[in-house]
């Protein structure tokens, strides 16, 4: 099993403790807003990558026609 470089072996107990700390720091109302923001960021990133891939494909077909 692969280990994360800085986390080592995390068990269920450690994950629960981290989740409780995050809940205490941000509160129950703020966490959904954070997740929504992260989701929008990931979607924008994927759209950007797809746009770059499409541009590369268009450039490849343009060079093949010449």
PDB file of N, CA and C in Angstrom:
ATOM      1  N   UNK A   1       0.839  -1.178   0.000  1.00  0.00           N
ATOM      2  CA  UNK A   1       0.000   0.000   0.000  1.00  0.00           C
ATOM      3  C   UNK A   1       0.876   1.230   0.000  1.00  0.00           C
ATOM      4  N   UNK A   2       0.557   2.180  -0.867  1.00  0.00           N
ATOM      5  CA  UNK A   2       1.355   3.382  -0.963  1.00  0.00           C
ATOM      6  C   UNK A   2       1.093   4.302   0.228  1.00  0.00           C
ATOM      7  N   UNK A   3       2.130   5.011   0.636  1.00  0.00           N
ATOM      8  CA  UNK A   3       1.996   5.952   1.732  1.00  0.00           C
ATOM      9  C   UNK A   3       2.156   7.365   1.210  1.00  0.00           C
ATOM     10  N   UNK A   4       1.377   8.263   1.767  1.00  0.00           N
ATOM     11  CA  UNK A   4       1.575   9.658   1.429  1.00  0.00           C
ATOM     12  C   UNK A   4       2.874  10.114   2.083  1.00  0.00           C
ATOM     13  N   UNK A   5       3.604  10.970   1.418  1.00  0.00           N
ATOM     14  CA  UNK A   5       4.929  11.347   1.874  1.00  0.00           C
ATOM     15  C   UNK A   5       4.922  11.991   3.256  1.00  0.00           C
ATOM     16  N   UNK A   6       3.985  12.869   3.517  1.00  0.00           N
ATOM     17  CA  UNK A   6       4.017  13.609   4.771  1.00  0.00           C
ATOM     18  C   UNK A   6       3.035  13.101   5.813  1.00  0.00           C
ATOM     19  N   UNK A   7       2.169  12.162   5.458  1.00  0.00           N
ATOM     20  CA  UNK A   7       1.161  11.714   6.399  1.00  0.00           C
ATOM     21  C   UNK A   7       1.487  10.377   7.049  1.00  0.00           C
ATOM     22  N   UNK A   8       2.255   9.540   6.392  1.00  0.00           N
ATOM     23  CA  UNK A   8       2.554   8.230   6.962  1.00  0.00           C
ATOM     24  C   UNK A   8       1.324   7.347   6.948  1.00  0.00           C
ATOM     25  N   UNK A   9       1.181   6.535   7.964  1.00  0.00           N
ATOM     26  CA  UNK A   9       0.025   5.647   8.063  1.00  0.00           C
ATOM     27  C   UNK A   9      -1.074   6.317   8.870  1.00  0.00           C
ATOM     28  N   UNK A  10      -2.191   6.594   8.233  1.00  0.00           N
ATOM     29  CA  UNK A  10      -3.340   7.167   8.924  1.00  0.00           C
ATOM     30  C   UNK A  10      -4.388   6.090   9.115  1.00  0.00           C
ATOM     31  N   UNK A  11      -4.787   5.938  10.350  1.00  0.00           N
ATOM     32  CA  UNK A  11      -5.839   4.987  10.649  1.00  0.00           C
ATOM     33  C   UNK A  11      -7.180   5.684  10.726  1.00  0.00           C
ATOM     34  N   UNK A  12      -8.203   4.906  11.015  1.00  0.00           N
ATOM     35  CA  UNK A  12      -9.551   5.446  11.108  1.00  0.00           C
ATOM     36  C   UNK A  12      -9.661   6.458  12.234  1.00  0.00           C
ATOM     37  N   UNK A  13      -9.032   6.167  13.347  1.00  0.00           N
ATOM     38  CA  UNK A  13      -9.081   7.082  14.490  1.00  0.00           C
ATOM     39  C   UNK A  13      -8.483   8.440  14.178  1.00  0.00           C
ATOM     40  N   UNK A  14      -7.351   8.441  13.494  1.00  0.00           N
ATOM     41  CA  UNK A  14      -6.703   9.711  13.142  1.00  0.00           C
ATOM     42  C   UNK A  14      -7.549  10.509  12.162  1.00  0.00           C
ATOM     43  N   UNK A  15      -8.161   9.821  11.216  1.00  0.00           N
ATOM     44  CA  UNK A  15      -9.007  10.505  10.235  1.00  0.00           C
ATOM     45  C   UNK A  15     -10.220  11.128  10.925  1.00  0.00           C
ATOM     46  N   UNK A  16     -10.804  10.422  11.876  1.00  0.00           N
ATOM     47  CA  UNK A  16     -11.952  10.958  12.625  1.00  0.00           C
ATOM     48  C   UNK A  16     -11.536  12.180  13.427  1.00  0.00           C
ATOM     49  N   UNK A  17     -10.378  12.134  14.073  1.00  0.00           N
ATOM     50  CA  UNK A  17      -9.891  13.277  14.848  1.00  0.00           C
ATOM     51  C   UNK A  17      -9.672  14.480  13.939  1.00  0.00           C
ATOM     52  N   UNK A  18      -9.079  14.262  12.769  1.00  0.00           N
ATOM     53  CA  UNK A  18      -8.853  15.356  11.819  1.00  0.00           C
ATOM     54  C   UNK A  18     -10.190  15.931  11.365  1.00  0.00           C
ATOM     55  N   UNK A  19     -11.179  15.081  11.087  1.00  0.00           N
ATOM     56  CA  UNK A  19     -12.499  15.553  10.657  1.00  0.00           C
ATOM     57  C   UNK A  19     -13.161  16.390  11.747  1.00  0.00           C
ATOM     58  N   UNK A  20     -13.026  15.979  12.984  1.00  0.00           N
ATOM     59  CA  UNK A  20     -13.614  16.736  14.102  1.00  0.00           C
ATOM     60  C   UNK A  20     -12.936  18.101  14.224  1.00  0.00           C
ATOM     61  N   UNK A  21     -11.612  18.135  14.090  1.00  0.00           N
ATOM     62  CA  UNK A  21     -10.883  19.404  14.172  1.00  0.00           C
ATOM     63  C   UNK A  21     -11.311  20.338  13.051  1.00  0.00           C
ATOM     64  N   UNK A  22     -11.434  19.813  11.834  1.00  0.00           N
ATOM     65  CA  UNK A  22     -11.878  20.637  10.704  1.00  0.00           C
ATOM     66  C   UNK A  22     -13.285  21.162  10.956  1.00  0.00           C
ATOM     67  N   UNK A  23     -14.163  20.327  11.488  1.00  0.00           N
ATOM     68  CA  UNK A  23     -15.527  20.747  11.796  1.00  0.00           C
ATOM     69  C   UNK A  23     -15.532  21.849  12.843  1.00  0.00           C
ATOM     70  N   UNK A  24     -14.683  21.730  13.848  1.00  0.00           N
ATOM     71  CA  UNK A  24     -14.614  22.763  14.878  1.00  0.00           C
ATOM     72  C   UNK A  24     -14.045  24.068  14.334  1.00  0.00           C
ATOM     73  N   UNK A  25     -13.057  23.983  13.463  1.00  0.00           N
ATOM     74  CA  UNK A  25     -12.427  25.186  12.921  1.00  0.00           C
ATOM     75  C   UNK A  25     -13.346  25.943  11.965  1.00  0.00           C
ATOM     76  N   UNK A  26     -14.007  25.229  11.076  1.00  0.00           N
ATOM     77  CA  UNK A  26     -14.777  25.885  10.033  1.00  0.00           C
ATOM     78  C   UNK A  26     -16.276  25.945  10.327  1.00  0.00           C
ATOM     79  N   UNK A  27     -16.766  25.093  11.166  1.00  0.00           N
ATOM     80  CA  UNK A  27     -18.196  25.079  11.469  1.00  0.00           C
ATOM     81  C   UNK A  27     -18.975  24.296  10.430  1.00  0.00           C
ATOM     82  N   UNK A  28     -20.156  23.885  10.793  1.00  0.00           N
ATOM     83  CA  UNK A  28     -20.985  23.058   9.917  1.00  0.00           C
ATOM     84  C   UNK A  28     -21.489  23.773   8.690  1.00  0.00           C
ATOM     85  N   UNK A  29     -21.691  25.096   8.785  1.00  0.00           N
ATOM     86  CA  UNK A  29     -22.229  25.836   7.643  1.00  0.00           C
ATOM     87  C   UNK A  29     -21.156  26.185   6.632  1.00  0.00           C
ATOM     88  N   UNK A  30     -19.931  26.301   7.064  1.00  0.00           N
ATOM     89  CA  UNK A  30     -18.863  26.743   6.171  1.00  0.00           C
ATOM     90  C   UNK A  30     -18.313  25.594   5.324  1.00  0.00           C
ATOM     91  N   UNK A  31     -18.358  24.379   5.796  1.00  0.00           N
ATOM     92  CA  UNK A  31     -17.774  23.235   5.086  1.00  0.00           C
ATOM     93  C   UNK A  31     -18.449  23.001   3.723  1.00  0.00           C
ATOM     94  N   UNK A  32     -19.784  23.019   3.616  1.00  0.00           N
ATOM     95  CA  UNK A  32     -20.376  22.853   2.277  1.00  0.00           C
ATOM     96  C   UNK A  32     -19.950  23.953   1.294  1.00  0.00           C
ATOM     97  N   UNK A  33     -19.785  25.183   1.799  1.00  0.00           N
ATOM     98  CA  UNK A  33     -19.331  26.270   0.941  1.00  0.00           C
ATOM     99  C   UNK A  33     -17.911  26.013   0.452  1.00  0.00           C
ATOM    100  N   UNK A  34     -17.072  25.489   1.336  1.00  0.00           N
ATOM    101  CA  UNK A  34     -15.700  25.163   0.943  1.00  0.00           C
ATOM    102  C   UNK A  34     -15.681  24.066  -0.114  1.00  0.00           C
ATOM    103  N   UNK A  35     -16.479  23.035   0.079  1.00  0.00           N
ATOM    104  CA  UNK A  35     -16.526  21.941  -0.880  1.00  0.00           C
ATOM    105  C   UNK A  35     -17.076  22.411  -2.227  1.00  0.00           C
ATOM    106  N   UNK A  36     -18.061  23.313  -2.199  1.00  0.00           N
ATOM    107  CA  UNK A  36     -18.616  23.857  -3.432  1.00  0.00           C
ATOM    108  C   UNK A  36     -17.544  24.642  -4.185  1.00  0.00           C
ATOM    109  N   UNK A  37     -16.767  25.428  -3.461  1.00  0.00           N
ATOM    110  CA  UNK A  37     -15.685  26.189  -4.086  1.00  0.00           C
ATOM    111  C   UNK A  37     -14.621  25.285  -4.681  1.00  0.00           C
ATOM    112  N   UNK A  38     -14.273  24.219  -3.966  1.00  0.00           N
ATOM    113  CA  UNK A  38     -13.286  23.266  -4.480  1.00  0.00           C
ATOM    114  C   UNK A  38     -13.829  22.576  -5.731  1.00  0.00           C
ATOM    115  N   UNK A  39     -15.111  22.217  -5.709  1.00  0.00           N
ATOM    116  CA  UNK A  39     -15.719  21.575  -6.876  1.00  0.00           C
ATOM    117  C   UNK A  39     -15.704  22.475  -8.101  1.00  0.00           C
ATOM    118  N   UNK A  40     -16.009  23.767  -7.900  1.00  0.00           N
ATOM    119  CA  UNK A  40     -15.979  24.712  -9.020  1.00  0.00           C
ATOM    120  C   UNK A  40     -14.557  24.860  -9.549  1.00  0.00           C
ATOM    121  N   UNK A  41     -13.588  24.884  -8.645  1.00  0.00           N
ATOM    122  CA  UNK A  41     -12.196  24.998  -9.069  1.00  0.00           C
ATOM    123  C   UNK A  41     -11.743  23.806  -9.888  1.00  0.00           C
ATOM    124  N   UNK A  42     -12.113  22.614  -9.462  1.00  0.00           N
ATOM    125  CA  UNK A  42     -11.755  21.399 -10.200  1.00  0.00           C
ATOM    126  C   UNK A  42     -12.430  21.393 -11.569  1.00  0.00           C
ATOM    127  N   UNK A  43     -13.701  21.820 -11.618  1.00  0.00           N
ATOM    128  CA  UNK A  43     -14.420  21.858 -12.893  1.00  0.00           C
ATOM    129  C   UNK A  43     -13.757  22.848 -13.851  1.00  0.00           C
ATOM    130  N   UNK A  44     -13.392  24.029 -13.342  1.00  0.00           N
ATOM    131  CA  UNK A  44     -12.719  25.016 -14.188  1.00  0.00           C
ATOM    132  C   UNK A  44     -11.382  24.491 -14.695  1.00  0.00           C
ATOM    133  N   UNK A  45     -10.659  23.785 -13.842  1.00  0.00           N
ATOM    134  CA  UNK A  45      -9.375  23.207 -14.235  1.00  0.00           C
ATOM    135  C   UNK A  45      -9.561  22.184 -15.349  1.00  0.00           C
ATOM    136  N   UNK A  46     -10.549  21.297 -15.182  1.00  0.00           N
ATOM    137  CA  UNK A  46     -10.814  20.280 -16.209  1.00  0.00           C
ATOM    138  C   UNK A  46     -11.236  20.918 -17.525  1.00  0.00           C
ATOM    139  N   UNK A  47     -12.075  21.968 -17.442  1.00  0.00           N
ATOM    140  CA  UNK A  47     -12.488  22.669 -18.660  1.00  0.00           C
ATOM    141  C   UNK A  47     -11.293  23.305 -19.348  1.00  0.00           C
ATOM    142  N   UNK A  48     -10.373  23.875 -18.561  1.00  0.00           N
ATOM    143  CA  UNK A  48      -9.176  24.481 -19.130  1.00  0.00           C
ATOM    144  C   UNK A  48      -8.289  23.459 -19.812  1.00  0.00           C
ATOM    145  N   UNK A  49      -8.116  22.311 -19.177  1.00  0.00           N
ATOM    146  CA  UNK A  49      -7.299  21.246 -19.767  1.00  0.00           C
ATOM    147  C   UNK A  49      -7.941  20.749 -21.050  1.00  0.00           C
ATOM    148  N   UNK A  50      -9.260  20.584 -21.043  1.00  0.00           N
ATOM    149  CA  UNK A  50      -9.967  20.123 -22.242  1.00  0.00           C
ATOM    150  C   UNK A  50      -9.827  21.148 -23.367  1.00  0.00           C
ATOM    151  N   UNK A  51      -9.905  22.428 -23.036  1.00  0.00           N
ATOM    152  CA  UNK A  51      -9.747  23.468 -24.041  1.00  0.00           C
ATOM    153  C   UNK A  51      -8.365  23.441 -24.668  1.00  0.00           C
ATOM    154  N   UNK A  52      -7.341  23.223 -23.857  1.00  0.00           N
ATOM    155  CA  UNK A  52      -5.975  23.141 -24.372  1.00  0.00           C
ATOM    156  C   UNK A  52      -5.822  21.918 -25.272  1.00  0.00           C
ATOM    157  N   UNK A  53      -6.403  20.784 -24.849  1.00  0.00           N
ATOM    158  CA  UNK A  53      -6.336  19.573 -25.671  1.00  0.00           C
ATOM    159  C   UNK A  53      -7.033  19.789 -27.015  1.00  0.00           C
ATOM    160  N   UNK A  54      -8.169  20.474 -26.993  1.00  0.00           N
ATOM    161  CA  UNK A  54      -8.882  20.761 -28.241  1.00  0.00           C
ATOM    162  C   UNK A  54      -8.049  21.663 -29.145  1.00  0.00           C
ATOM    163  N   UNK A  55      -7.391  22.671 -28.556  1.00  0.00           N
ATOM    164  CA  UNK A  55      -6.534  23.566 -29.342  1.00  0.00           C
ATOM    165  C   UNK A  55      -5.384  22.801 -29.988  1.00  0.00           C
ATOM    166  N   UNK A  56      -4.808  21.868 -29.249  1.00  0.00           N
ATOM    167  CA  UNK A  56      -3.702  21.072 -29.788  1.00  0.00           C
ATOM    168  C   UNK A  56      -4.186  20.206 -30.942  1.00  0.00           C
ATOM    169  N   UNK A  57      -5.367  19.607 -30.805  1.00  0.00           N
ATOM    170  CA  UNK A  57      -5.919  18.781 -31.885  1.00  0.00           C
ATOM    171  C   UNK A  57      -6.180  19.617 -33.131  1.00  0.00           C
ATOM    172  N   UNK A  58      -6.700  20.830 -32.946  1.00  0.00           N
ATOM    173  CA  UNK A  58      -6.972  21.710 -34.081  1.00  0.00           C
ATOM    174  C   UNK A  58      -5.661  22.079 -34.771  1.00  0.00           C
ATOM    175  N   UNK A  59      -4.623  22.384 -33.991  1.00  0.00           N
ATOM    176  CA  UNK A  59      -3.329  22.732 -34.571  1.00  0.00           C
ATOM    177  C   UNK A  59      -2.734  21.548 -35.329  1.00  0.00           C
ATOM    178  N   UNK A  60      -2.902  20.338 -34.808  1.00  0.00           N
ATOM    179  CA  UNK A  60      -2.392  19.144 -35.482  1.00  0.00           C
ATOM    180  C   UNK A  60      -3.094  18.930 -36.813  1.00  0.00           C
ATOM    181  N   UNK A  61      -4.406  19.128 -36.856  1.00  0.00           N
ATOM    182  CA  UNK A  61      -5.130  18.931 -38.112  1.00  0.00           C
ATOM    183  C   UNK A  61      -4.787  20.041 -39.111  1.00  0.00           C
ATOM    184  N   UNK A  62      -4.509  21.250 -38.616  1.00  0.00           N
ATOM    185  CA  UNK A  62      -4.113  22.337 -39.507  1.00  0.00           C
ATOM    186  C   UNK A  62      -2.753  22.069 -40.140  1.00  0.00           C
ATOM    187  N   UNK A  63      -1.810  21.523 -39.370  1.00  0.00           N
ATOM    188  CA  UNK A  63      -0.483  21.246 -39.906  1.00  0.00           C
ATOM    189  C   UNK A  63      -0.503  20.065 -40.862  1.00  0.00           C
ATOM    190  N   UNK A  64      -1.435  19.107 -40.636  1.00  0.00           N
ATOM    191  CA  UNK A  64      -1.544  17.960 -41.542  1.00  0.00           C
ATOM    192  C   UNK A  64      -2.092  18.375 -42.908  1.00  0.00           C
ATOM    193  N   UNK A  65      -2.933  19.400 -42.956  1.00  0.00           N
ATOM    194  CA  UNK A  65      -3.531  19.844 -44.213  1.00  0.00           C
ATOM    195  C   UNK A  65      -2.527  20.578 -45.096  1.00  0.00           C
ATOM    196  N   UNK A  66      -1.511  21.187 -44.473  1.00  0.00           N
ATOM    197  CA  UNK A  66      -0.531  21.968 -45.243  1.00  0.00           C
ATOM    198  C   UNK A  66       0.422  21.125 -45.994  1.00  0.00           C
TER     199      UNK A  66
END
